[in-house]
Amino acid sequence: MLRIVELTPVFIHIGAVVYWSSHTTSKRESVMTTKIKASTNELVAIKSALALMLYKLHNPYDA
């Protein structure tokens, strides 16, 4: 398993995105909001892939 220390940046990033998107004043989706959400989703996917690669490097014999 990944240690919580390795996953902390991912959790902080996801929490910040959720907090920011739930506290926007405008309910209408703007172009900038859509672009930011898309880019943050890509960042989360990249971070998840990197975390998985680090896990595989540290534990090469796990199934």
PDB file of N, CA and C in Angstrom:
ATOM      1  N   MET A   1       0.844  -1.191   0.000  1.00  0.00           N
ATOM      2  CA  MET A   1       0.000   0.000   0.000  1.00  0.00           C
ATOM      3  C   MET A   1       0.884   1.248   0.000  1.00  0.00           C
ATOM      4  N   LEU A   2       0.324   2.277  -0.608  1.00  0.00           N
ATOM      5  CA  LEU A   2       1.035   3.546  -0.571  1.00  0.00           C
ATOM      6  C   LEU A   2       0.887   4.150   0.816  1.00  0.00           C
ATOM      7  N   ARG A   3       1.937   4.759   1.263  1.00  0.00           N
ATOM      8  CA  ARG A   3       1.868   5.414   2.562  1.00  0.00           C
ATOM      9  C   ARG A   3       1.053   6.695   2.436  1.00  0.00           C
ATOM     10  N   ILE A   4       0.438   7.100   3.522  1.00  0.00           N
ATOM     11  CA  ILE A   4      -0.398   8.301   3.516  1.00  0.00           C
ATOM     12  C   ILE A   4       0.429   9.532   3.146  1.00  0.00           C
ATOM     13  N   VAL A   5       1.717   9.518   3.481  1.00  0.00           N
ATOM     14  CA  VAL A   5       2.593  10.648   3.144  1.00  0.00           C
ATOM     15  C   VAL A   5       2.699  10.804   1.633  1.00  0.00           C
ATOM     16  N   GLU A   6       2.732   9.690   0.911  1.00  0.00           N
ATOM     17  CA  GLU A   6       2.848   9.759  -0.543  1.00  0.00           C
ATOM     18  C   GLU A   6       1.546  10.220  -1.185  1.00  0.00           C
ATOM     19  N   LEU A   7       0.415   9.960  -0.532  1.00  0.00           N
ATOM     20  CA  LEU A   7      -0.879  10.324  -1.104  1.00  0.00           C
ATOM     21  C   LEU A   7      -1.379  11.692  -0.654  1.00  0.00           C
ATOM     22  N   THR A   8      -0.746  12.291   0.345  1.00  0.00           N
ATOM     23  CA  THR A   8      -1.215  13.562   0.887  1.00  0.00           C
ATOM     24  C   THR A   8      -1.348  14.652  -0.166  1.00  0.00           C
ATOM     25  N   PRO A   9      -0.371  14.868  -1.064  1.00  0.00           N
ATOM     26  CA  PRO A   9      -0.544  15.919  -2.077  1.00  0.00           C
ATOM     27  C   PRO A   9      -1.759  15.691  -2.976  1.00  0.00           C
ATOM     28  N   VAL A  10      -2.048  14.449  -3.283  1.00  0.00           N
ATOM     29  CA  VAL A  10      -3.207  14.151  -4.128  1.00  0.00           C
ATOM     30  C   VAL A  10      -4.487  14.514  -3.394  1.00  0.00           C
ATOM     31  N   PHE A  11      -4.585  14.133  -2.104  1.00  0.00           N
ATOM     32  CA  PHE A  11      -5.780  14.442  -1.329  1.00  0.00           C
ATOM     33  C   PHE A  11      -5.959  15.948  -1.159  1.00  0.00           C
ATOM     34  N   ILE A  12      -4.868  16.661  -0.914  1.00  0.00           N
ATOM     35  CA  ILE A  12      -4.944  18.113  -0.762  1.00  0.00           C
ATOM     36  C   ILE A  12      -5.426  18.747  -2.056  1.00  0.00           C
ATOM     37  N   HIS A  13      -4.897  18.294  -3.179  1.00  0.00           N
ATOM     38  CA  HIS A  13      -5.286  18.852  -4.474  1.00  0.00           C
ATOM     39  C   HIS A  13      -6.768  18.595  -4.751  1.00  0.00           C
ATOM     40  N   ILE A  14      -7.220  17.368  -4.528  1.00  0.00           N
ATOM     41  CA  ILE A  14      -8.625  17.038  -4.772  1.00  0.00           C
ATOM     42  C   ILE A  14      -9.521  17.859  -3.850  1.00  0.00           C
ATOM     43  N   GLY A  15      -9.137  17.990  -2.586  1.00  0.00           N
ATOM     44  CA  GLY A  15      -9.931  18.777  -1.643  1.00  0.00           C
ATOM     45  C   GLY A  15     -10.015  20.234  -2.046  1.00  0.00           C
ATOM     46  N   ALA A  16      -8.906  20.797  -2.527  1.00  0.00           N
ATOM     47  CA  ALA A  16      -8.913  22.194  -2.960  1.00  0.00           C
ATOM     48  C   ALA A  16      -9.816  22.391  -4.168  1.00  0.00           C
ATOM     49  N   VAL A  17      -9.784  21.459  -5.103  1.00  0.00           N
ATOM     50  CA  VAL A  17     -10.628  21.565  -6.297  1.00  0.00           C
ATOM     51  C   VAL A  17     -12.102  21.465  -5.915  1.00  0.00           C
ATOM     52  N   VAL A  18     -12.434  20.520  -5.040  1.00  0.00           N
ATOM     53  CA  VAL A  18     -13.828  20.365  -4.613  1.00  0.00           C
ATOM     54  C   VAL A  18     -14.296  21.599  -3.862  1.00  0.00           C
ATOM     55  N   TYR A  19     -13.474  22.120  -2.956  1.00  0.00           N
ATOM     56  CA  TYR A  19     -13.834  23.317  -2.200  1.00  0.00           C
ATOM     57  C   TYR A  19     -14.026  24.505  -3.133  1.00  0.00           C
ATOM     58  N   TRP A  20     -13.080  24.699  -4.058  1.00  0.00           N
ATOM     59  CA  TRP A  20     -13.155  25.834  -4.966  1.00  0.00           C
ATOM     60  C   TRP A  20     -14.395  25.749  -5.847  1.00  0.00           C
ATOM     61  N   SER A  21     -14.669  24.577  -6.394  1.00  0.00           N
ATOM     62  CA  SER A  21     -15.805  24.448  -7.305  1.00  0.00           C
ATOM     63  C   SER A  21     -17.132  24.568  -6.566  1.00  0.00           C
ATOM     64  N   SER A  22     -17.174  24.210  -5.280  1.00  0.00           N
ATOM     65  CA  SER A  22     -18.429  24.320  -4.539  1.00  0.00           C
ATOM     66  C   SER A  22     -18.650  25.726  -3.998  1.00  0.00           C
ATOM     67  N   HIS A  23     -17.629  26.563  -3.997  1.00  0.00           N
ATOM     68  CA  HIS A  23     -17.761  27.913  -3.459  1.00  0.00           C
ATOM     69  C   HIS A  23     -17.648  29.003  -4.520  1.00  0.00           C
ATOM     70  N   THR A  24     -17.788  28.658  -5.771  1.00  0.00           N
ATOM     71  CA  THR A  24     -17.788  29.695  -6.797  1.00  0.00           C
ATOM     72  C   THR A  24     -19.097  30.454  -6.714  1.00  0.00           C
ATOM     73  N   THR A  25     -19.035  31.759  -6.941  1.00  0.00           N
ATOM     74  CA  THR A  25     -20.230  32.582  -6.774  1.00  0.00           C
ATOM     75  C   THR A  25     -21.194  32.421  -7.938  1.00  0.00           C
ATOM     76  N   SER A  26     -20.678  32.189  -9.104  1.00  0.00           N
ATOM     77  CA  SER A  26     -21.532  32.065 -10.284  1.00  0.00           C
ATOM     78  C   SER A  26     -21.953  30.618 -10.465  1.00  0.00           C
ATOM     79  N   LYS A  27     -23.249  30.403 -10.622  1.00  0.00           N
ATOM     80  CA  LYS A  27     -23.747  29.043 -10.850  1.00  0.00           C
ATOM     81  C   LYS A  27     -23.619  28.649 -12.317  1.00  0.00           C
ATOM     82  N   ARG A  28     -23.491  29.641 -13.185  1.00  0.00           N
ATOM     83  CA  ARG A  28     -23.360  29.355 -14.611  1.00  0.00           C
ATOM     84  C   ARG A  28     -21.924  28.954 -14.918  1.00  0.00           C
ATOM     85  N   GLU A  29     -21.768  27.924 -15.726  1.00  0.00           N
ATOM     86  CA  GLU A  29     -20.430  27.454 -16.084  1.00  0.00           C
ATOM     87  C   GLU A  29     -19.799  28.418 -17.090  1.00  0.00           C
ATOM     88  N   SER A  30     -18.677  28.982 -16.728  1.00  0.00           N
ATOM     89  CA  SER A  30     -17.964  29.835 -17.667  1.00  0.00           C
ATOM     90  C   SER A  30     -16.935  28.999 -18.415  1.00  0.00           C
ATOM     91  N   VAL A  31     -16.408  29.574 -19.472  1.00  0.00           N
ATOM     92  CA  VAL A  31     -15.399  28.867 -20.263  1.00  0.00           C
ATOM     93  C   VAL A  31     -14.159  28.621 -19.421  1.00  0.00           C
ATOM     94  N   MET A  32     -13.766  29.598 -18.613  1.00  0.00           N
ATOM     95  CA  MET A  32     -12.570  29.456 -17.784  1.00  0.00           C
ATOM     96  C   MET A  32     -12.766  28.359 -16.741  1.00  0.00           C
ATOM     97  N   THR A  33     -13.947  28.304 -16.129  1.00  0.00           N
ATOM     98  CA  THR A  33     -14.213  27.263 -15.135  1.00  0.00           C
ATOM     99  C   THR A  33     -14.119  25.892 -15.769  1.00  0.00           C
ATOM    100  N   THR A  34     -14.669  25.749 -16.960  1.00  0.00           N
ATOM    101  CA  THR A  34     -14.621  24.467 -17.656  1.00  0.00           C
ATOM    102  C   THR A  34     -13.182  24.077 -17.958  1.00  0.00           C
ATOM    103  N   LYS A  35     -12.372  25.047 -18.395  1.00  0.00           N
ATOM    104  CA  LYS A  35     -10.971  24.756 -18.700  1.00  0.00           C
ATOM    105  C   LYS A  35     -10.203  24.373 -17.440  1.00  0.00           C
ATOM    106  N   ILE A  36     -10.468  25.065 -16.336  1.00  0.00           N
ATOM    107  CA  ILE A  36      -9.772  24.759 -15.085  1.00  0.00           C
ATOM    108  C   ILE A  36     -10.148  23.366 -14.608  1.00  0.00           C
ATOM    109  N   LYS A  37     -11.430  23.025 -14.678  1.00  0.00           N
ATOM    110  CA  LYS A  37     -11.858  21.694 -14.239  1.00  0.00           C
ATOM    111  C   LYS A  37     -11.223  20.608 -15.099  1.00  0.00           C
ATOM    112  N   ALA A  38     -11.136  20.848 -16.403  1.00  0.00           N
ATOM    113  CA  ALA A  38     -10.516  19.858 -17.288  1.00  0.00           C
ATOM    114  C   ALA A  38      -9.043  19.689 -16.945  1.00  0.00           C
ATOM    115  N   SER A  39      -8.345  20.803 -16.727  1.00  0.00           N
ATOM    116  CA  SER A  39      -6.917  20.697 -16.447  1.00  0.00           C
ATOM    117  C   SER A  39      -6.669  20.063 -15.078  1.00  0.00           C
ATOM    118  N   THR A  40      -7.533  20.332 -14.098  1.00  0.00           N
ATOM    119  CA  THR A  40      -7.334  19.707 -12.793  1.00  0.00           C
ATOM    120  C   THR A  40      -7.626  18.215 -12.856  1.00  0.00           C
ATOM    121  N   ASN A  41      -8.605  17.815 -13.657  1.00  0.00           N
ATOM    122  CA  ASN A  41      -8.863  16.384 -13.829  1.00  0.00           C
ATOM    123  C   ASN A  41      -7.655  15.695 -14.451  1.00  0.00           C
ATOM    124  N   GLU A  42      -7.016  16.358 -15.410  1.00  0.00           N
ATOM    125  CA  GLU A  42      -5.813  15.797 -16.020  1.00  0.00           C
ATOM    126  C   GLU A  42      -4.684  15.695 -14.995  1.00  0.00           C
ATOM    127  N   LEU A  43      -4.551  16.707 -14.147  1.00  0.00           N
ATOM    128  CA  LEU A  43      -3.510  16.675 -13.120  1.00  0.00           C
ATOM    129  C   LEU A  43      -3.746  15.547 -12.126  1.00  0.00           C
ATOM    130  N   VAL A  44      -4.990  15.340 -11.741  1.00  0.00           N
ATOM    131  CA  VAL A  44      -5.305  14.251 -10.816  1.00  0.00           C
ATOM    132  C   VAL A  44      -4.966  12.912 -11.451  1.00  0.00           C
ATOM    133  N   ALA A  45      -5.272  12.765 -12.738  1.00  0.00           N
ATOM    134  CA  ALA A  45      -4.952  11.514 -13.430  1.00  0.00           C
ATOM    135  C   ALA A  45      -3.445  11.300 -13.492  1.00  0.00           C
ATOM    136  N   ILE A  46      -2.695  12.357 -13.753  1.00  0.00           N
ATOM    137  CA  ILE A  46      -1.235  12.254 -13.812  1.00  0.00           C
ATOM    138  C   ILE A  46      -0.673  11.900 -12.439  1.00  0.00           C
ATOM    139  N   LYS A  47      -1.186  12.555 -11.390  1.00  0.00           N
ATOM    140  CA  LYS A  47      -0.705  12.265 -10.034  1.00  0.00           C
ATOM    141  C   LYS A  47      -1.014  10.828  -9.640  1.00  0.00           C
ATOM    142  N   SER A  48      -2.186  10.354 -10.018  1.00  0.00           N
ATOM    143  CA  SER A  48      -2.548   8.968  -9.704  1.00  0.00           C
ATOM    144  C   SER A  48      -1.620   7.990 -10.413  1.00  0.00           C
ATOM    145  N   ALA A  49      -1.309   8.273 -11.670  1.00  0.00           N
ATOM    146  CA  ALA A  49      -0.408   7.403 -12.424  1.00  0.00           C
ATOM    147  C   ALA A  49       0.993   7.415 -11.814  1.00  0.00           C
ATOM    148  N   LEU A  50       1.457   8.587 -11.404  1.00  0.00           N
ATOM    149  CA  LEU A  50       2.778   8.676 -10.776  1.00  0.00           C
ATOM    150  C   LEU A  50       2.804   7.934  -9.443  1.00  0.00           C
ATOM    151  N   ALA A  51       1.733   8.056  -8.673  1.00  0.00           N
ATOM    152  CA  ALA A  51       1.668   7.343  -7.395  1.00  0.00           C
ATOM    153  C   ALA A  51       1.700   5.838  -7.618  1.00  0.00           C
ATOM    154  N   LEU A  52       0.995   5.369  -8.644  1.00  0.00           N
ATOM    155  CA  LEU A  52       0.997   3.940  -8.950  1.00  0.00           C
ATOM    156  C   LEU A  52       2.384   3.478  -9.389  1.00  0.00           C
ATOM    157  N   MET A  53       3.069   4.293 -10.192  1.00  0.00           N
ATOM    158  CA  MET A  53       4.417   3.934 -10.632  1.00  0.00           C
ATOM    159  C   MET A  53       5.380   3.880  -9.448  1.00  0.00           C
ATOM    160  N   LEU A  54       5.259   4.850  -8.525  1.00  0.00           N
ATOM    161  CA  LEU A  54       6.108   4.827  -7.332  1.00  0.00           C
ATOM    162  C   LEU A  54       5.838   3.588  -6.496  1.00  0.00           C
ATOM    163  N   TYR A  55       4.582   3.226  -6.384  1.00  0.00           N
ATOM    164  CA  TYR A  55       4.219   2.022  -5.633  1.00  0.00           C
ATOM    165  C   TYR A  55       4.848   0.785  -6.263  1.00  0.00           C
ATOM    166  N   LYS A  56       4.750   0.695  -7.588  1.00  0.00           N
ATOM    167  CA  LYS A  56       5.317  -0.463  -8.289  1.00  0.00           C
ATOM    168  C   LYS A  56       6.843  -0.501  -8.159  1.00  0.00           C
ATOM    169  N   LEU A  57       7.487   0.666  -8.136  1.00  0.00           N
ATOM    170  CA  LEU A  57       8.940   0.706  -7.974  1.00  0.00           C
ATOM    171  C   LEU A  57       9.356   0.230  -6.588  1.00  0.00           C
ATOM    172  N   HIS A  58       8.590   0.622  -5.564  1.00  0.00           N
ATOM    173  CA  HIS A  58       8.941   0.259  -4.193  1.00  0.00           C
ATOM    174  C   HIS A  58       8.521  -1.159  -3.840  1.00  0.00           C
ATOM    175  N   ASN A  59       7.528  -1.703  -4.546  1.00  0.00           N
ATOM    176  CA  ASN A  59       7.016  -3.046  -4.255  1.00  0.00           C
ATOM    177  C   ASN A  59       6.909  -3.846  -5.547  1.00  0.00           C
ATOM    178  N   PRO A  60       8.034  -4.237  -6.139  1.00  0.00           N
ATOM    179  CA  PRO A  60       7.978  -4.895  -7.453  1.00  0.00           C
ATOM    180  C   PRO A  60       7.381  -6.300  -7.428  1.00  0.00           C
ATOM    181  N   TYR A  61       7.292  -6.934  -6.256  1.00  0.00           N
ATOM    182  CA  TYR A  61       6.818  -8.317  -6.202  1.00  0.00           C
ATOM    183  C   TYR A  61       5.359  -8.437  -5.789  1.00  0.00           C
ATOM    184  N   ASP A  62       4.668  -7.312  -5.566  1.00  0.00           N
ATOM    185  CA  ASP A  62       3.237  -7.365  -5.234  1.00  0.00           C
ATOM    186  C   ASP A  62       2.432  -7.726  -6.465  1.00  0.00           C
ATOM    187  N   ALA A  63       1.368  -8.463  -6.247  1.00  0.00           N
ATOM    188  CA  ALA A  63       0.510  -8.878  -7.374  1.00  0.00           C
ATOM    189  C   ALA A  63      -0.376  -7.741  -7.798  1.00  0.00           C
TER     190      ALA A  63
END
